[in-house]
């Protein structure tokens, strides 16, 4: 089965980007997830279990970028039959559209840290502009590895129908909230 990929890119690339530190995503501490209304009864949550990528971050120069690769076949909602359906052409269609990407076009800064990330999100070959709200950025020495580590949390809500994911509408919600919790260690 082919893999679907989400690529998240934060930032614009000013001259100061050359001074940015490079980080490798820690797949054990990076958590892309989603929530969606299920038939009006509850909010269903899911996550992806396989993530790789890298990012750059320069708070002094107010620039950043990140690429996160998510294996869409690693989707996990806690129910195997539903997960198989979500991999099918009704939803992610991982066989035909192996990549879901986000590429930033602008980053907004609130003081010393990013506060928003604007960019283009592509799902099922359809690209739409979206804006991620950055809810947290933290950097420091990792207490166990002793490596410099940075992490960020961001989220956005999109209409899945804007990307051609129409199965089950309107019973299954159209608004899909995406959450990204990403940690990376500074490259040496």
N, C-alpha and C. Protein backbone atom coordinates (compact mmCIF):
# COMPACT_ATOMS: atom_id res chain seq x y z
N UNK A 1 0.85 -1.17 0.00
CA UNK A 1 0.00 0.00 0.00
C UNK A 1 0.90 1.24 0.00
N UNK A 2 0.56 2.20 -0.85
CA UNK A 2 1.34 3.43 -0.89
C UNK A 2 1.10 4.25 0.35
N UNK A 3 2.00 5.17 0.62
CA UNK A 3 1.88 6.02 1.81
C UNK A 3 1.34 7.38 1.40
N UNK A 4 0.51 7.97 2.26
CA UNK A 4 0.07 9.34 2.08
C UNK A 4 0.92 10.20 2.99
N UNK A 5 1.19 11.40 2.57
CA UNK A 5 2.11 12.26 3.29
C UNK A 5 1.47 13.60 3.55
N UNK A 6 1.67 14.10 4.77
CA UNK A 6 1.31 15.47 5.09
C UNK A 6 2.61 16.21 5.26
N UNK A 7 2.76 17.31 4.57
CA UNK A 7 3.95 18.13 4.73
C UNK A 7 3.50 19.48 5.27
N UNK A 8 4.02 19.85 6.41
CA UNK A 8 3.68 21.13 7.02
C UNK A 8 4.92 21.99 6.93
N UNK A 9 4.81 23.19 6.39
CA UNK A 9 5.95 24.09 6.28
C UNK A 9 5.60 25.39 6.94
N UNK A 10 6.42 25.79 7.93
CA UNK A 10 6.20 27.04 8.63
C UNK A 10 7.16 28.06 8.07
N UNK A 11 6.66 29.25 7.75
CA UNK A 11 7.57 30.35 7.55
C UNK A 11 7.73 30.82 6.13
N UNK A 12 8.39 31.92 6.05
CA UNK A 12 8.89 32.48 4.82
C UNK A 12 10.40 32.40 4.95
N UNK A 13 11.12 32.60 3.90
CA UNK A 13 12.54 32.33 3.93
C UNK A 13 13.36 33.59 3.71
N UNK A 14 13.45 34.48 4.71
CA UNK A 14 14.26 35.68 4.60
C UNK A 14 15.74 35.34 4.68
N UNK A 15 16.58 36.36 4.48
CA UNK A 15 18.03 36.17 4.53
C UNK A 15 18.45 35.51 5.83
N UNK A 16 17.81 35.81 6.93
CA UNK A 16 18.19 35.25 8.23
C UNK A 16 17.98 33.74 8.31
N UNK A 17 17.28 33.13 7.32
CA UNK A 17 17.06 31.69 7.34
C UNK A 17 18.39 30.95 7.34
N UNK A 18 19.42 31.54 6.75
CA UNK A 18 20.72 30.89 6.74
C UNK A 18 21.24 30.69 8.16
N UNK A 19 20.76 31.47 9.12
CA UNK A 19 21.19 31.36 10.51
C UNK A 19 20.31 30.43 11.32
N UNK A 20 19.26 29.92 10.72
CA UNK A 20 18.33 29.06 11.44
C UNK A 20 18.98 27.72 11.77
N UNK A 21 18.59 27.15 12.90
CA UNK A 21 19.05 25.82 13.28
C UNK A 21 18.18 24.78 12.60
N UNK A 22 18.77 23.64 12.26
CA UNK A 22 18.06 22.54 11.63
C UNK A 22 17.73 21.49 12.68
N UNK A 23 16.53 20.93 12.59
CA UNK A 23 16.04 19.93 13.53
C UNK A 23 15.50 18.73 12.77
N UNK A 24 15.69 17.56 13.34
CA UNK A 24 15.08 16.34 12.82
C UNK A 24 13.91 15.98 13.71
N UNK A 25 12.77 15.74 13.08
CA UNK A 25 11.54 15.38 13.80
C UNK A 25 11.76 14.08 14.57
N UNK A 26 11.29 14.07 15.81
CA UNK A 26 11.31 12.87 16.65
C UNK A 26 9.98 12.15 16.44
N UNK A 27 9.99 11.02 15.69
CA UNK A 27 8.72 10.36 15.38
C UNK A 27 7.99 9.81 16.60
N UNK A 28 8.72 9.56 17.68
CA UNK A 28 8.08 9.07 18.90
C UNK A 28 7.39 10.15 19.70
N UNK A 29 7.67 11.42 19.36
CA UNK A 29 7.07 12.53 20.09
C UNK A 29 6.44 13.55 19.15
N UNK A 30 6.02 13.08 17.99
CA UNK A 30 5.30 13.91 17.03
C UNK A 30 3.95 13.24 16.81
N UNK A 31 2.88 14.03 16.94
CA UNK A 31 1.55 13.45 17.04
C UNK A 31 0.55 14.22 16.17
N UNK A 32 0.43 13.84 14.90
CA UNK A 32 -0.62 14.44 14.07
C UNK A 32 -1.95 13.73 14.34
N UNK A 33 -3.00 14.49 14.57
CA UNK A 33 -4.29 13.89 14.89
C UNK A 33 -5.43 14.74 14.33
N UNK A 34 -6.65 14.25 14.47
CA UNK A 34 -7.82 14.95 13.95
C UNK A 34 -9.04 14.62 14.79
N UNK A 35 -10.05 15.50 14.67
CA UNK A 35 -11.37 15.25 15.26
C UNK A 35 -12.43 15.63 14.24
N UNK A 36 -13.57 14.94 14.31
CA UNK A 36 -14.68 15.20 13.40
C UNK A 36 -15.98 14.74 14.06
N UNK A 37 -17.07 15.41 13.75
CA UNK A 37 -18.37 15.04 14.28
C UNK A 37 -18.82 13.72 13.66
N UNK A 38 -19.26 12.79 14.49
CA UNK A 38 -19.71 11.49 14.00
C UNK A 38 -21.22 11.35 14.16
N UNK A 39 -21.93 11.55 13.07
CA UNK A 39 -23.37 11.35 12.98
C UNK A 39 -24.17 12.22 13.95
N UNK A 40 -23.56 13.30 14.43
CA UNK A 40 -24.24 14.19 15.35
C UNK A 40 -24.27 13.68 16.79
N UNK A 41 -23.71 12.50 17.02
CA UNK A 41 -23.76 11.91 18.35
C UNK A 41 -22.52 12.22 19.19
N UNK A 42 -21.35 12.24 18.56
CA UNK A 42 -20.11 12.40 19.32
C UNK A 42 -19.03 12.98 18.42
N UNK A 43 -17.91 13.28 19.02
CA UNK A 43 -16.73 13.72 18.28
C UNK A 43 -15.77 12.54 18.19
N UNK A 44 -15.50 12.10 16.97
CA UNK A 44 -14.57 11.00 16.76
C UNK A 44 -13.16 11.57 16.64
N UNK A 45 -12.21 10.92 17.27
CA UNK A 45 -10.81 11.34 17.19
C UNK A 45 -9.99 10.24 16.54
N UNK A 46 -8.93 10.66 15.86
CA UNK A 46 -8.01 9.71 15.25
C UNK A 46 -6.61 10.31 15.21
N UNK A 47 -5.65 9.47 14.88
CA UNK A 47 -4.26 9.91 14.83
C UNK A 47 -3.53 9.13 13.76
N UNK A 48 -2.32 9.55 13.48
CA UNK A 48 -1.44 8.84 12.57
C UNK A 48 -0.23 8.38 13.38
N UNK A 49 0.17 7.12 13.21
CA UNK A 49 1.20 6.52 14.05
C UNK A 49 2.61 6.58 13.48
N UNK A 50 2.78 7.01 12.23
CA UNK A 50 4.10 7.01 11.61
C UNK A 50 4.40 8.38 11.01
N UNK A 51 5.40 9.07 11.58
CA UNK A 51 5.73 10.43 11.19
C UNK A 51 7.24 10.61 11.12
N UNK A 52 7.72 11.29 10.06
CA UNK A 52 9.11 11.69 9.95
C UNK A 52 9.15 13.11 9.41
N UNK A 53 10.32 13.74 9.43
CA UNK A 53 10.46 15.07 8.84
C UNK A 53 11.56 15.88 9.47
N UNK A 54 11.58 17.16 9.14
CA UNK A 54 12.61 18.07 9.63
C UNK A 54 12.04 19.49 9.64
N UNK A 55 12.68 20.36 10.45
CA UNK A 55 12.30 21.77 10.42
C UNK A 55 13.50 22.64 10.74
N UNK A 56 13.37 23.92 10.39
CA UNK A 56 14.35 24.93 10.78
C UNK A 56 13.63 25.94 11.65
N UNK A 57 14.39 26.59 12.55
CA UNK A 57 13.76 27.54 13.45
C UNK A 57 14.79 28.59 13.87
N UNK A 58 14.44 29.85 13.68
CA UNK A 58 15.29 30.99 14.06
C UNK A 58 14.41 32.05 14.69
N UNK A 59 14.19 31.99 16.02
CA UNK A 59 13.33 32.98 16.65
C UNK A 59 13.89 34.39 16.58
N UNK A 60 15.21 34.56 16.61
CA UNK A 60 15.80 35.90 16.52
C UNK A 60 15.52 36.53 15.17
N UNK A 61 15.61 35.72 14.12
CA UNK A 61 15.33 36.21 12.77
C UNK A 61 13.88 36.08 12.36
N UNK A 62 13.06 35.54 13.26
CA UNK A 62 11.63 35.33 13.03
C UNK A 62 11.38 34.59 11.71
N UNK A 63 12.04 33.44 11.58
CA UNK A 63 11.83 32.59 10.42
C UNK A 63 11.81 31.13 10.86
N UNK A 64 11.08 30.33 10.11
CA UNK A 64 10.98 28.91 10.42
C UNK A 64 10.43 28.17 9.21
N UNK A 65 10.71 26.89 9.15
CA UNK A 65 10.11 26.02 8.13
C UNK A 65 10.09 24.60 8.70
N UNK A 66 9.15 23.81 8.26
CA UNK A 66 9.06 22.42 8.73
C UNK A 66 8.42 21.55 7.65
N UNK A 67 8.92 20.33 7.53
CA UNK A 67 8.32 19.33 6.65
C UNK A 67 8.03 18.10 7.50
N UNK A 68 6.77 17.73 7.55
CA UNK A 68 6.34 16.56 8.31
C UNK A 68 5.75 15.56 7.33
N UNK A 69 6.25 14.35 7.34
CA UNK A 69 5.76 13.30 6.46
C UNK A 69 4.98 12.30 7.30
N UNK A 70 3.73 12.13 6.96
CA UNK A 70 2.85 11.22 7.71
C UNK A 70 2.41 10.09 6.79
N UNK A 71 2.59 8.88 7.24
CA UNK A 71 2.11 7.70 6.53
C UNK A 71 0.62 7.57 6.81
N UNK A 72 -0.21 7.93 5.81
CA UNK A 72 -1.66 7.92 6.02
C UNK A 72 -2.20 6.52 6.28
N UNK A 73 -1.47 5.50 5.82
CA UNK A 73 -1.94 4.14 6.11
C UNK A 73 -1.78 3.80 7.58
N UNK A 74 -1.08 4.67 8.32
CA UNK A 74 -0.91 4.45 9.76
C UNK A 74 -2.05 5.07 10.57
N UNK A 75 -3.14 5.46 9.89
CA UNK A 75 -4.28 6.07 10.57
C UNK A 75 -4.81 5.10 11.63
N UNK A 76 -5.18 5.67 12.78
CA UNK A 76 -5.62 4.84 13.90
C UNK A 76 -6.73 5.57 14.65
N UNK A 77 -7.94 5.02 14.55
CA UNK A 77 -9.07 5.56 15.30
C UNK A 77 -9.50 4.59 16.40
N UNK A 78 -8.73 3.52 16.57
CA UNK A 78 -9.07 2.52 17.57
C UNK A 78 -10.07 1.49 17.09
N UNK A 79 -10.35 1.47 15.79
CA UNK A 79 -11.32 0.53 15.23
C UNK A 79 -10.81 0.09 13.86
N UNK A 80 -10.33 -1.16 13.74
CA UNK A 80 -9.67 -1.63 12.51
C UNK A 80 -10.55 -1.49 11.27
N UNK A 81 -11.82 -1.87 11.36
CA UNK A 81 -12.71 -1.82 10.20
C UNK A 81 -12.88 -0.37 9.73
N UNK A 82 -13.06 0.56 10.66
CA UNK A 82 -13.19 1.98 10.30
C UNK A 82 -11.89 2.48 9.68
N UNK A 83 -10.75 2.09 10.25
CA UNK A 83 -9.46 2.53 9.71
C UNK A 83 -9.27 2.06 8.28
N UNK A 84 -9.64 0.82 7.98
CA UNK A 84 -9.57 0.33 6.60
C UNK A 84 -10.45 1.16 5.68
N UNK A 85 -11.65 1.53 6.16
CA UNK A 85 -12.55 2.36 5.35
C UNK A 85 -11.94 3.74 5.12
N UNK A 86 -11.31 4.31 6.14
CA UNK A 86 -10.69 5.63 5.99
C UNK A 86 -9.53 5.61 5.00
N UNK A 87 -8.88 4.46 4.80
CA UNK A 87 -7.80 4.33 3.82
C UNK A 87 -8.34 4.17 2.40
N UNK A 88 -9.61 3.85 2.27
CA UNK A 88 -10.23 3.52 0.98
C UNK A 88 -10.51 4.77 0.14
N UNK A 89 -10.94 4.58 -1.12
CA UNK A 89 -11.29 5.72 -1.97
C UNK A 89 -12.42 6.59 -1.42
N UNK A 90 -13.22 6.09 -0.47
CA UNK A 90 -14.27 6.93 0.12
C UNK A 90 -13.69 8.10 0.91
N UNK A 91 -12.48 7.93 1.46
CA UNK A 91 -11.89 8.98 2.31
C UNK A 91 -10.49 9.35 1.82
N UNK A 92 -9.43 8.79 2.38
CA UNK A 92 -8.06 9.20 2.04
C UNK A 92 -7.56 8.67 0.70
N UNK A 93 -8.12 7.57 0.24
CA UNK A 93 -7.72 6.98 -1.03
C UNK A 93 -6.19 6.92 -1.14
N UNK A 94 -5.57 6.26 -0.17
CA UNK A 94 -4.11 6.25 -0.08
C UNK A 94 -3.45 5.58 -1.28
N UNK A 95 -4.15 4.70 -1.99
CA UNK A 95 -3.56 4.05 -3.16
C UNK A 95 -3.40 5.03 -4.32
N UNK A 96 -4.37 5.90 -4.55
CA UNK A 96 -4.32 6.83 -5.69
C UNK A 96 -3.68 8.17 -5.34
N UNK A 97 -3.89 8.67 -4.14
CA UNK A 97 -3.36 9.97 -3.71
C UNK A 97 -2.48 9.76 -2.48
N UNK A 98 -1.23 9.36 -2.69
CA UNK A 98 -0.37 8.99 -1.56
C UNK A 98 0.12 10.16 -0.72
N UNK A 99 -0.06 11.39 -1.18
CA UNK A 99 0.45 12.52 -0.41
C UNK A 99 -0.65 13.51 -0.05
N UNK A 100 -0.60 13.93 1.19
CA UNK A 100 -1.34 15.10 1.66
C UNK A 100 -0.26 16.08 2.08
N UNK A 101 -0.28 17.30 1.56
CA UNK A 101 0.80 18.24 1.85
C UNK A 101 0.27 19.57 2.35
N UNK A 102 1.08 20.21 3.16
CA UNK A 102 0.87 21.60 3.55
C UNK A 102 2.17 22.34 3.31
N UNK A 103 2.12 23.42 2.55
CA UNK A 103 3.30 24.24 2.28
C UNK A 103 2.99 25.67 2.67
N UNK A 104 3.79 26.21 3.55
CA UNK A 104 3.50 27.56 4.07
C UNK A 104 3.77 28.63 3.03
N UNK A 105 3.00 29.71 3.16
CA UNK A 105 3.20 30.90 2.35
C UNK A 105 3.53 32.10 3.21
N UNK A 106 3.25 32.02 4.51
CA UNK A 106 3.51 33.13 5.43
C UNK A 106 3.45 32.62 6.87
N UNK A 107 4.26 33.25 7.74
CA UNK A 107 4.18 32.95 9.16
C UNK A 107 3.93 34.26 9.89
N UNK A 108 3.01 34.23 10.82
CA UNK A 108 2.76 35.40 11.66
C UNK A 108 3.43 35.20 13.00
N UNK A 109 4.03 36.24 13.54
CA UNK A 109 4.74 36.15 14.82
C UNK A 109 4.03 36.96 15.88
N UNK A 110 3.91 36.38 17.06
CA UNK A 110 3.37 37.06 18.21
C UNK A 110 4.49 37.18 19.23
N UNK A 111 5.18 38.29 19.22
CA UNK A 111 6.35 38.43 20.10
C UNK A 111 7.51 37.62 19.55
N UNK A 112 8.01 36.69 20.37
CA UNK A 112 9.20 35.92 20.02
C UNK A 112 8.91 34.59 19.32
N UNK A 113 7.66 34.23 19.14
CA UNK A 113 7.32 32.92 18.59
C UNK A 113 6.27 33.04 17.49
N UNK A 114 6.21 32.04 16.61
CA UNK A 114 5.16 32.03 15.60
C UNK A 114 3.78 31.95 16.26
N UNK A 115 2.82 32.67 15.70
CA UNK A 115 1.45 32.61 16.20
C UNK A 115 0.49 32.04 15.16
N UNK A 116 0.87 32.08 13.89
CA UNK A 116 0.03 31.53 12.82
C UNK A 116 0.90 31.12 11.65
N UNK A 117 0.40 30.16 10.91
CA UNK A 117 1.09 29.68 9.71
C UNK A 117 0.05 29.61 8.60
N UNK A 118 0.21 30.41 7.56
CA UNK A 118 -0.66 30.34 6.40
C UNK A 118 0.01 29.48 5.34
N UNK A 119 -0.79 28.74 4.60
CA UNK A 119 -0.20 27.91 3.56
C UNK A 119 -1.24 27.21 2.73
N UNK A 120 -0.76 26.36 1.83
CA UNK A 120 -1.61 25.59 0.91
C UNK A 120 -1.63 24.14 1.36
N UNK A 121 -2.82 23.62 1.61
CA UNK A 121 -3.03 22.24 2.01
C UNK A 121 -3.59 21.48 0.82
N UNK A 122 -2.97 20.35 0.49
CA UNK A 122 -3.42 19.51 -0.62
C UNK A 122 -3.85 18.15 -0.10
N UNK A 123 -5.10 17.80 -0.39
CA UNK A 123 -5.67 16.49 -0.05
C UNK A 123 -6.38 15.98 -1.29
N UNK A 124 -6.16 14.73 -1.65
CA UNK A 124 -6.76 14.11 -2.84
C UNK A 124 -6.47 14.93 -4.10
N UNK A 125 -5.31 15.57 -4.17
CA UNK A 125 -4.92 16.35 -5.33
C UNK A 125 -5.56 17.73 -5.41
N UNK A 126 -6.34 18.11 -4.42
CA UNK A 126 -7.00 19.42 -4.38
C UNK A 126 -6.26 20.31 -3.38
N UNK A 127 -5.90 21.52 -3.81
CA UNK A 127 -5.16 22.45 -2.96
C UNK A 127 -6.06 23.60 -2.53
N UNK A 128 -6.04 23.89 -1.22
CA UNK A 128 -6.82 24.99 -0.65
C UNK A 128 -5.93 25.77 0.33
N UNK A 129 -6.12 27.10 0.41
CA UNK A 129 -5.38 27.86 1.42
C UNK A 129 -5.97 27.62 2.81
N UNK A 130 -5.09 27.47 3.80
CA UNK A 130 -5.53 27.30 5.19
C UNK A 130 -4.61 28.10 6.10
N UNK A 131 -5.05 28.31 7.32
CA UNK A 131 -4.23 28.99 8.32
C UNK A 131 -4.21 28.14 9.59
N UNK A 132 -3.00 27.82 10.06
CA UNK A 132 -2.83 27.08 11.30
C UNK A 132 -2.63 28.07 12.43
N UNK A 133 -3.30 27.85 13.55
CA UNK A 133 -3.06 28.64 14.76
C UNK A 133 -1.99 27.91 15.57
N UNK A 134 -0.89 28.60 15.86
CA UNK A 134 0.17 28.01 16.68
C UNK A 134 -0.18 28.29 18.14
N UNK A 135 -0.34 27.23 18.91
CA UNK A 135 -0.78 27.38 20.30
C UNK A 135 0.35 27.20 21.30
N UNK A 136 1.52 26.81 20.84
CA UNK A 136 2.64 26.67 21.74
C UNK A 136 3.93 26.39 21.01
N UNK A 137 5.01 27.01 21.45
CA UNK A 137 6.37 26.75 20.95
C UNK A 137 7.29 26.74 22.16
N UNK A 138 8.06 25.68 22.31
CA UNK A 138 9.00 25.59 23.43
C UNK A 138 10.30 24.95 22.97
N UNK A 139 11.42 25.51 23.44
CA UNK A 139 12.74 24.99 23.12
C UNK A 139 13.56 24.89 24.40
N UNK A 140 14.45 23.92 24.44
CA UNK A 140 15.35 23.77 25.59
C UNK A 140 16.13 22.49 25.49
N UNK A 141 17.02 22.27 26.45
CA UNK A 141 17.80 21.05 26.48
C UNK A 141 16.91 19.90 26.94
N UNK A 142 16.88 18.83 26.14
CA UNK A 142 16.10 17.65 26.49
C UNK A 142 16.70 17.03 27.75
N UNK A 143 15.88 16.73 28.76
CA UNK A 143 16.43 16.25 30.03
C UNK A 143 17.10 14.88 29.95
N UNK A 144 16.80 14.08 28.93
CA UNK A 144 17.39 12.75 28.83
C UNK A 144 18.49 12.68 27.79
N UNK A 145 18.21 13.19 26.56
CA UNK A 145 19.22 13.10 25.50
C UNK A 145 20.27 14.20 25.59
N UNK A 146 19.93 15.27 26.33
CA UNK A 146 20.80 16.45 26.47
C UNK A 146 20.96 17.20 25.15
N UNK A 147 20.15 16.87 24.14
CA UNK A 147 20.18 17.58 22.86
C UNK A 147 19.20 18.74 22.91
N UNK A 148 19.53 19.82 22.20
CA UNK A 148 18.62 20.96 22.10
C UNK A 148 17.39 20.51 21.34
N UNK A 149 16.22 20.73 21.91
CA UNK A 149 14.96 20.25 21.37
C UNK A 149 13.96 21.38 21.30
N UNK A 150 13.20 21.43 20.19
CA UNK A 150 12.11 22.39 20.06
C UNK A 150 10.84 21.64 19.69
N UNK A 151 9.73 22.13 20.18
CA UNK A 151 8.44 21.56 19.85
C UNK A 151 7.42 22.64 19.63
N UNK A 152 6.40 22.32 18.85
CA UNK A 152 5.31 23.27 18.65
C UNK A 152 3.99 22.53 18.51
N UNK A 153 2.93 23.21 18.84
CA UNK A 153 1.56 22.72 18.68
C UNK A 153 0.83 23.68 17.76
N UNK A 154 0.06 23.14 16.82
CA UNK A 154 -0.71 23.98 15.90
C UNK A 154 -1.97 23.23 15.51
N UNK A 155 -2.99 23.99 15.11
CA UNK A 155 -4.23 23.35 14.66
C UNK A 155 -4.96 24.23 13.66
N UNK A 156 -5.86 23.61 12.93
CA UNK A 156 -6.71 24.31 11.97
C UNK A 156 -7.97 23.50 11.76
N UNK A 157 -9.00 24.12 11.26
CA UNK A 157 -10.23 23.43 10.89
C UNK A 157 -10.49 23.68 9.41
N UNK A 158 -10.76 22.61 8.68
CA UNK A 158 -11.04 22.70 7.25
C UNK A 158 -12.36 21.99 6.96
N UNK A 159 -12.94 22.28 5.81
CA UNK A 159 -14.09 21.51 5.33
C UNK A 159 -13.55 20.41 4.43
N UNK A 160 -13.79 19.17 4.80
CA UNK A 160 -13.27 18.07 4.00
C UNK A 160 -13.87 18.06 2.60
N UNK A 161 -15.09 18.55 2.45
CA UNK A 161 -15.72 18.60 1.13
C UNK A 161 -14.97 19.54 0.18
N UNK A 162 -14.26 20.54 0.71
CA UNK A 162 -13.45 21.42 -0.14
C UNK A 162 -12.33 20.66 -0.84
N UNK A 163 -11.99 19.48 -0.33
CA UNK A 163 -10.93 18.66 -0.90
C UNK A 163 -11.48 17.44 -1.63
N UNK A 164 -12.81 17.37 -1.77
CA UNK A 164 -13.42 16.25 -2.48
C UNK A 164 -13.66 15.03 -1.62
N UNK A 165 -13.55 15.16 -0.29
CA UNK A 165 -13.81 14.04 0.61
C UNK A 165 -15.28 14.19 1.05
N UNK A 166 -16.18 13.58 0.28
CA UNK A 166 -17.61 13.83 0.45
C UNK A 166 -18.40 12.67 1.04
N UNK A 167 -17.76 11.53 1.26
CA UNK A 167 -18.48 10.35 1.72
C UNK A 167 -19.18 10.64 3.05
N UNK A 168 -20.47 10.26 3.13
CA UNK A 168 -21.23 10.34 4.38
C UNK A 168 -21.76 11.71 4.74
N UNK A 169 -21.55 12.71 3.85
CA UNK A 169 -22.09 14.05 4.14
C UNK A 169 -23.60 14.04 3.99
N UNK A 170 -24.36 14.71 4.79
CA UNK A 170 -23.95 15.53 5.91
C UNK A 170 -23.93 14.78 7.25
N UNK A 171 -24.25 13.48 7.24
CA UNK A 171 -24.32 12.75 8.51
C UNK A 171 -22.98 12.76 9.25
N UNK A 172 -21.91 12.46 8.51
CA UNK A 172 -20.57 12.58 9.08
C UNK A 172 -20.14 14.02 8.85
N UNK A 173 -19.62 14.68 9.84
CA UNK A 173 -19.32 16.10 9.77
C UNK A 173 -18.44 16.50 8.60
N UNK A 174 -18.64 17.74 8.15
CA UNK A 174 -17.83 18.31 7.09
C UNK A 174 -16.59 18.99 7.68
N UNK A 175 -16.72 19.56 8.88
CA UNK A 175 -15.59 20.26 9.49
C UNK A 175 -14.65 19.26 10.16
N UNK A 176 -13.40 19.29 9.71
CA UNK A 176 -12.35 18.40 10.19
C UNK A 176 -11.30 19.25 10.87
N UNK A 177 -11.08 19.02 12.17
CA UNK A 177 -10.05 19.77 12.90
C UNK A 177 -8.78 18.95 12.92
N UNK A 178 -7.69 19.56 12.46
CA UNK A 178 -6.39 18.92 12.39
C UNK A 178 -5.50 19.48 13.49
N UNK A 179 -4.82 18.61 14.20
CA UNK A 179 -3.92 18.99 15.29
C UNK A 179 -2.52 18.46 14.98
N UNK A 180 -1.51 19.30 15.21
CA UNK A 180 -0.13 18.88 14.99
C UNK A 180 0.66 19.19 16.25
N UNK A 181 1.20 18.17 16.88
CA UNK A 181 2.14 18.32 17.99
C UNK A 181 3.45 17.74 17.48
N UNK A 182 4.47 18.60 17.34
CA UNK A 182 5.72 18.21 16.69
C UNK A 182 6.90 18.53 17.61
N UNK A 183 7.81 17.57 17.77
CA UNK A 183 9.06 17.79 18.48
C UNK A 183 10.22 17.38 17.58
N UNK A 184 11.32 18.13 17.67
CA UNK A 184 12.51 17.79 16.92
C UNK A 184 13.75 18.13 17.69
N UNK A 185 14.82 17.39 17.44
CA UNK A 185 16.11 17.65 18.08
C UNK A 185 17.05 18.30 17.08
N UNK A 186 17.83 19.27 17.57
CA UNK A 186 18.74 20.03 16.74
C UNK A 186 19.79 19.10 16.14
N UNK A 187 20.01 19.26 14.83
CA UNK A 187 21.03 18.48 14.15
C UNK A 187 22.41 18.96 14.59
N UNK A 188 23.33 18.02 14.71
CA UNK A 188 24.68 18.38 15.15
C UNK A 188 25.58 18.66 13.97
